[in-house]
């Protein structure tokens, strides 16, 4: 996941050129999953428990539109997700805007081709 972001010091975070290159392609990302503040959506973040909305420093994060974590799965450790990376400004069906998303995301256990 860190390859998708460019850290520009401690106060800035940008999207790496790789985001555009991989946009539309299926990718596998190991990262932590967190709930949004309104508890309606999930996000993929690079640090356990990190919150992109209230962190004092920028957090590498991407939206997981339509994703729902299966019951009994812990979010304390990183999980591997597979989905189609989508880069660029978009307002989703849920009304939330994002610049980077993992669409059709699901837990990946290494059995798919």
N, C-alpha and C. Protein backbone atom coordinates (compact mmCIF):
# COMPACT_ATOMS: atom_id res chain seq x y z
N UNK A 1 0.82 -1.19 0.00
CA UNK A 1 0.00 0.00 0.00
C UNK A 1 0.87 1.26 0.00
N UNK A 2 2.02 1.20 0.64
CA UNK A 2 2.87 2.39 0.70
C UNK A 2 3.34 2.84 -0.68
N UNK A 3 3.35 1.94 -1.66
CA UNK A 3 3.76 2.30 -3.02
C UNK A 3 2.75 3.21 -3.72
N UNK A 4 1.54 3.29 -3.18
CA UNK A 4 0.50 4.11 -3.79
C UNK A 4 0.55 5.57 -3.34
N UNK A 5 1.39 5.85 -2.35
CA UNK A 5 1.44 7.20 -1.77
C UNK A 5 2.86 7.72 -1.74
N UNK A 6 3.00 9.04 -1.89
CA UNK A 6 4.28 9.73 -1.77
C UNK A 6 4.23 10.58 -0.52
N UNK A 7 5.06 10.26 0.45
CA UNK A 7 5.17 11.10 1.66
C UNK A 7 6.03 12.30 1.30
N UNK A 8 5.53 13.47 1.63
CA UNK A 8 6.25 14.70 1.35
C UNK A 8 6.50 15.38 2.69
N UNK A 9 7.41 14.82 3.45
CA UNK A 9 7.65 15.29 4.81
C UNK A 9 6.62 14.69 5.74
N UNK A 10 6.48 15.26 6.92
CA UNK A 10 5.53 14.73 7.89
C UNK A 10 4.14 15.36 7.75
N UNK A 11 4.04 16.44 6.98
CA UNK A 11 2.77 17.16 6.89
C UNK A 11 2.02 16.99 5.58
N UNK A 12 2.56 16.22 4.66
CA UNK A 12 1.91 16.11 3.35
C UNK A 12 2.00 14.68 2.83
N UNK A 13 0.98 14.30 2.12
CA UNK A 13 0.89 12.96 1.53
C UNK A 13 0.22 13.12 0.18
N UNK A 14 0.84 12.57 -0.84
CA UNK A 14 0.26 12.65 -2.19
C UNK A 14 0.10 11.27 -2.78
N UNK A 15 -0.60 11.21 -3.90
CA UNK A 15 -0.78 9.95 -4.59
C UNK A 15 0.39 9.73 -5.53
N UNK A 16 0.94 8.52 -5.51
CA UNK A 16 2.07 8.17 -6.38
C UNK A 16 1.56 7.97 -7.81
N UNK A 17 2.46 8.11 -8.78
CA UNK A 17 2.12 7.90 -10.18
C UNK A 17 1.59 6.48 -10.40
N UNK A 18 1.98 5.55 -9.55
CA UNK A 18 1.52 4.17 -9.65
C UNK A 18 0.00 4.06 -9.55
N UNK A 19 -0.64 4.99 -8.85
CA UNK A 19 -2.11 4.98 -8.74
C UNK A 19 -2.75 5.07 -10.12
N UNK A 20 -2.27 5.97 -10.95
CA UNK A 20 -2.81 6.11 -12.31
C UNK A 20 -2.48 4.89 -13.16
N UNK A 21 -1.27 4.37 -13.00
CA UNK A 21 -0.84 3.20 -13.76
C UNK A 21 -1.71 1.99 -13.46
N UNK A 22 -2.04 1.79 -12.18
CA UNK A 22 -2.80 0.61 -11.77
C UNK A 22 -4.31 0.82 -11.78
N UNK A 23 -4.76 2.04 -12.01
CA UNK A 23 -6.20 2.32 -12.00
C UNK A 23 -6.92 1.45 -13.02
N UNK A 24 -7.95 0.76 -12.56
CA UNK A 24 -8.71 -0.15 -13.42
C UNK A 24 -8.22 -1.58 -13.37
N UNK A 25 -7.11 -1.82 -12.72
CA UNK A 25 -6.54 -3.17 -12.63
C UNK A 25 -6.87 -3.81 -11.28
N UNK A 26 -6.88 -5.13 -11.28
CA UNK A 26 -7.08 -5.88 -10.04
C UNK A 26 -5.75 -5.91 -9.29
N UNK A 27 -5.80 -5.59 -8.01
CA UNK A 27 -4.60 -5.57 -7.17
C UNK A 27 -4.90 -6.26 -5.84
N UNK A 28 -3.86 -6.63 -5.14
CA UNK A 28 -3.95 -7.19 -3.80
C UNK A 28 -3.19 -6.26 -2.88
N UNK A 29 -3.82 -5.84 -1.80
CA UNK A 29 -3.21 -4.89 -0.88
C UNK A 29 -3.27 -5.41 0.56
N UNK A 30 -2.12 -5.51 1.21
CA UNK A 30 -2.13 -5.82 2.64
C UNK A 30 -2.22 -4.50 3.41
N UNK A 31 -3.20 -4.38 4.27
CA UNK A 31 -3.36 -3.15 5.05
C UNK A 31 -4.37 -3.41 6.17
N UNK A 32 -4.57 -2.38 6.96
CA UNK A 32 -5.53 -2.45 8.06
C UNK A 32 -6.87 -1.90 7.60
N UNK A 33 -7.93 -2.46 8.13
CA UNK A 33 -9.28 -2.00 7.81
C UNK A 33 -9.85 -1.28 9.02
N UNK A 34 -10.41 -0.10 8.78
CA UNK A 34 -11.04 0.68 9.86
C UNK A 34 -12.42 1.15 9.41
N UNK A 35 -13.29 1.41 10.37
CA UNK A 35 -14.62 1.97 10.09
C UNK A 35 -14.50 3.48 10.00
N UNK A 36 -15.39 4.08 9.22
CA UNK A 36 -15.46 5.54 9.16
C UNK A 36 -16.15 6.05 10.42
N UNK A 37 -16.02 7.35 10.67
CA UNK A 37 -16.61 7.95 11.87
C UNK A 37 -18.11 7.72 11.97
N UNK A 38 -18.80 7.77 10.84
CA UNK A 38 -20.25 7.58 10.89
C UNK A 38 -20.64 6.11 10.91
N UNK A 39 -19.65 5.23 10.94
CA UNK A 39 -19.85 3.78 11.07
C UNK A 39 -20.65 3.18 9.91
N UNK A 40 -20.57 3.80 8.73
CA UNK A 40 -21.32 3.30 7.59
C UNK A 40 -20.44 2.67 6.51
N UNK A 41 -19.14 2.92 6.58
CA UNK A 41 -18.24 2.44 5.53
C UNK A 41 -16.93 1.95 6.13
N UNK A 42 -16.18 1.23 5.31
CA UNK A 42 -14.85 0.75 5.69
C UNK A 42 -13.81 1.46 4.85
N UNK A 43 -12.61 1.61 5.43
CA UNK A 43 -11.47 2.18 4.71
C UNK A 43 -10.26 1.29 4.93
N UNK A 44 -9.35 1.32 3.99
CA UNK A 44 -8.08 0.62 4.09
C UNK A 44 -7.03 1.67 4.45
N UNK A 45 -6.27 1.44 5.53
CA UNK A 45 -5.26 2.38 5.99
C UNK A 45 -3.94 1.66 6.21
N UNK A 46 -2.86 2.41 6.25
CA UNK A 46 -1.53 1.80 6.37
C UNK A 46 -1.09 1.52 7.80
N UNK A 47 -1.86 1.98 8.78
CA UNK A 47 -1.48 1.78 10.19
C UNK A 47 -2.69 1.32 10.98
N UNK A 48 -2.48 0.42 11.91
CA UNK A 48 -3.59 -0.09 12.74
C UNK A 48 -4.29 1.05 13.46
N UNK A 49 -5.62 1.10 13.33
CA UNK A 49 -6.42 2.09 14.04
C UNK A 49 -6.30 3.51 13.55
N UNK A 50 -5.55 3.75 12.47
CA UNK A 50 -5.36 5.11 11.97
C UNK A 50 -6.69 5.67 11.45
N UNK A 51 -6.90 6.95 11.69
CA UNK A 51 -8.11 7.62 11.22
C UNK A 51 -7.71 8.77 10.30
N UNK A 52 -8.04 8.67 9.01
CA UNK A 52 -7.70 9.75 8.08
C UNK A 52 -8.36 11.08 8.42
N UNK A 53 -9.49 11.04 9.13
CA UNK A 53 -10.22 12.27 9.44
C UNK A 53 -9.67 13.02 10.64
N UNK A 54 -9.15 12.31 11.63
CA UNK A 54 -8.76 13.01 12.85
C UNK A 54 -7.28 12.84 13.23
N UNK A 55 -6.50 12.19 12.40
CA UNK A 55 -5.07 12.04 12.68
C UNK A 55 -4.35 13.38 12.55
N UNK A 56 -3.40 13.67 13.44
CA UNK A 56 -2.65 14.92 13.33
C UNK A 56 -1.68 14.94 12.15
N UNK A 57 -1.39 13.78 11.58
CA UNK A 57 -0.54 13.68 10.39
C UNK A 57 -1.31 12.96 9.30
N UNK A 58 -1.01 13.20 8.03
CA UNK A 58 -1.73 12.53 6.95
C UNK A 58 -1.61 11.00 7.04
N UNK A 59 -2.71 10.33 6.76
CA UNK A 59 -2.77 8.87 6.80
C UNK A 59 -3.03 8.35 5.40
N UNK A 60 -2.21 7.39 4.97
CA UNK A 60 -2.45 6.74 3.68
C UNK A 60 -3.71 5.90 3.80
N UNK A 61 -4.72 6.23 2.99
CA UNK A 61 -6.02 5.56 3.10
C UNK A 61 -6.71 5.52 1.75
N UNK A 62 -7.55 4.51 1.58
CA UNK A 62 -8.40 4.46 0.41
C UNK A 62 -9.76 3.90 0.80
N UNK A 63 -10.76 4.31 0.05
CA UNK A 63 -12.13 3.90 0.31
C UNK A 63 -12.36 2.46 -0.16
N UNK A 64 -13.31 1.80 0.50
CA UNK A 64 -13.72 0.45 0.12
C UNK A 64 -15.23 0.45 -0.16
N UNK A 65 -15.64 1.04 -1.30
CA UNK A 65 -17.07 1.14 -1.57
C UNK A 65 -17.73 -0.24 -1.65
N UNK A 66 -18.85 -0.39 -0.94
CA UNK A 66 -19.60 -1.63 -0.98
C UNK A 66 -19.01 -2.77 -0.18
N UNK A 67 -17.87 -2.57 0.46
CA UNK A 67 -17.22 -3.64 1.22
C UNK A 67 -17.89 -3.82 2.56
N UNK A 68 -18.02 -5.07 2.98
CA UNK A 68 -18.50 -5.37 4.31
C UNK A 68 -17.64 -6.49 4.87
N UNK A 69 -17.06 -6.26 6.02
CA UNK A 69 -16.18 -7.24 6.64
C UNK A 69 -17.02 -8.40 7.20
N UNK A 70 -16.67 -9.63 6.83
CA UNK A 70 -17.42 -10.78 7.36
C UNK A 70 -17.32 -10.85 8.89
N UNK A 71 -18.37 -11.32 9.54
CA UNK A 71 -18.35 -11.44 11.01
C UNK A 71 -17.19 -12.32 11.48
N UNK A 72 -16.63 -11.95 12.62
CA UNK A 72 -15.58 -12.75 13.23
C UNK A 72 -14.17 -12.46 12.73
N UNK A 73 -14.02 -11.58 11.77
CA UNK A 73 -12.70 -11.23 11.25
C UNK A 73 -12.16 -10.07 12.07
N UNK A 74 -10.96 -10.24 12.62
CA UNK A 74 -10.34 -9.20 13.44
C UNK A 74 -9.70 -8.12 12.56
N UNK A 75 -9.81 -6.88 13.01
CA UNK A 75 -9.16 -5.77 12.31
C UNK A 75 -7.89 -5.34 13.03
N UNK A 76 -7.44 -6.14 14.00
CA UNK A 76 -6.23 -5.81 14.76
C UNK A 76 -4.95 -6.07 13.98
N UNK A 77 -5.00 -6.94 13.00
CA UNK A 77 -3.82 -7.28 12.19
C UNK A 77 -4.13 -6.90 10.74
N UNK A 78 -3.07 -6.71 9.95
CA UNK A 78 -3.32 -6.38 8.54
C UNK A 78 -4.03 -7.55 7.84
N UNK A 79 -4.88 -7.21 6.90
CA UNK A 79 -5.59 -8.18 6.08
C UNK A 79 -5.21 -7.98 4.63
N UNK A 80 -5.30 -9.03 3.84
CA UNK A 80 -5.04 -8.91 2.40
C UNK A 80 -6.38 -8.75 1.69
N UNK A 81 -6.52 -7.66 0.97
CA UNK A 81 -7.73 -7.43 0.19
C UNK A 81 -7.39 -7.44 -1.29
N UNK A 82 -8.32 -7.92 -2.07
CA UNK A 82 -8.18 -7.92 -3.52
C UNK A 82 -9.37 -7.13 -4.08
N UNK A 83 -9.09 -6.31 -5.08
CA UNK A 83 -10.14 -5.54 -5.72
C UNK A 83 -9.60 -4.76 -6.90
N UNK A 84 -10.47 -4.00 -7.52
CA UNK A 84 -10.07 -3.19 -8.67
C UNK A 84 -9.75 -1.78 -8.17
N UNK A 85 -8.50 -1.36 -8.37
CA UNK A 85 -8.07 -0.03 -7.94
C UNK A 85 -8.68 1.02 -8.86
N UNK A 86 -9.19 2.07 -8.27
CA UNK A 86 -9.78 3.17 -9.03
C UNK A 86 -9.22 4.48 -8.50
N UNK A 87 -8.57 5.25 -9.38
CA UNK A 87 -7.94 6.51 -9.00
C UNK A 87 -8.56 7.65 -9.77
N UNK A 88 -8.86 8.73 -9.06
CA UNK A 88 -9.46 9.91 -9.65
C UNK A 88 -10.67 10.33 -8.84
N UNK A 89 -10.98 11.60 -8.88
CA UNK A 89 -12.11 12.10 -8.10
C UNK A 89 -13.42 11.46 -8.54
N UNK A 90 -14.18 11.00 -7.55
CA UNK A 90 -15.47 10.39 -7.83
C UNK A 90 -16.38 10.53 -6.62
N UNK A 91 -17.64 10.78 -6.88
CA UNK A 91 -18.65 10.75 -5.82
C UNK A 91 -19.42 9.44 -6.00
N UNK A 92 -19.37 8.59 -4.98
CA UNK A 92 -19.99 7.28 -5.06
C UNK A 92 -21.49 7.32 -4.91
N UNK A 93 -22.11 6.18 -5.10
CA UNK A 93 -23.56 6.05 -4.95
C UNK A 93 -24.02 6.42 -3.54
N UNK A 94 -23.11 6.27 -2.57
CA UNK A 94 -23.45 6.59 -1.18
C UNK A 94 -23.31 8.09 -0.89
N UNK A 95 -22.87 8.87 -1.89
CA UNK A 95 -22.74 10.31 -1.73
C UNK A 95 -21.39 10.77 -1.21
N UNK A 96 -20.48 9.84 -0.94
CA UNK A 96 -19.16 10.21 -0.42
C UNK A 96 -18.15 10.34 -1.56
N UNK A 97 -17.33 11.36 -1.46
CA UNK A 97 -16.31 11.61 -2.47
C UNK A 97 -15.01 10.91 -2.08
N UNK A 98 -14.25 10.51 -3.10
CA UNK A 98 -12.95 9.89 -2.86
C UNK A 98 -12.05 10.12 -4.06
N UNK A 99 -10.76 9.96 -3.84
CA UNK A 99 -9.77 10.04 -4.91
C UNK A 99 -9.15 8.69 -5.21
N UNK A 100 -9.20 7.76 -4.23
CA UNK A 100 -8.61 6.44 -4.41
C UNK A 100 -9.51 5.41 -3.74
N UNK A 101 -9.88 4.38 -4.52
CA UNK A 101 -10.81 3.37 -4.03
C UNK A 101 -10.33 1.97 -4.43
N UNK A 102 -10.73 0.99 -3.65
CA UNK A 102 -10.57 -0.41 -4.02
C UNK A 102 -11.99 -0.95 -4.20
N UNK A 103 -12.42 -1.01 -5.46
CA UNK A 103 -13.78 -1.41 -5.78
C UNK A 103 -13.87 -2.93 -5.84
N UNK A 104 -15.04 -3.46 -5.55
CA UNK A 104 -15.29 -4.90 -5.55
C UNK A 104 -14.31 -5.61 -4.62
N UNK A 105 -13.95 -4.94 -3.54
CA UNK A 105 -12.95 -5.49 -2.61
C UNK A 105 -13.50 -6.68 -1.83
N UNK A 106 -12.62 -7.64 -1.61
CA UNK A 106 -12.96 -8.80 -0.79
C UNK A 106 -11.67 -9.34 -0.16
N UNK A 107 -11.82 -10.08 0.92
CA UNK A 107 -10.66 -10.70 1.56
C UNK A 107 -10.04 -11.68 0.59
N UNK A 108 -8.73 -11.69 0.55
CA UNK A 108 -7.99 -12.54 -0.40
C UNK A 108 -7.16 -13.53 0.40
N UNK A 109 -7.30 -14.80 0.04
CA UNK A 109 -6.56 -15.84 0.73
C UNK A 109 -5.60 -16.58 -0.18
N UNK A 110 -5.34 -16.05 -1.35
CA UNK A 110 -4.32 -16.62 -2.24
C UNK A 110 -4.80 -17.77 -3.08
N UNK A 111 -6.10 -17.97 -3.24
CA UNK A 111 -6.59 -19.10 -4.02
C UNK A 111 -7.14 -18.70 -5.38
N UNK A 112 -7.18 -17.40 -5.67
CA UNK A 112 -7.74 -16.94 -6.95
C UNK A 112 -6.64 -16.85 -8.00
N UNK A 113 -7.04 -16.92 -9.25
CA UNK A 113 -6.05 -16.76 -10.32
C UNK A 113 -6.14 -15.38 -10.93
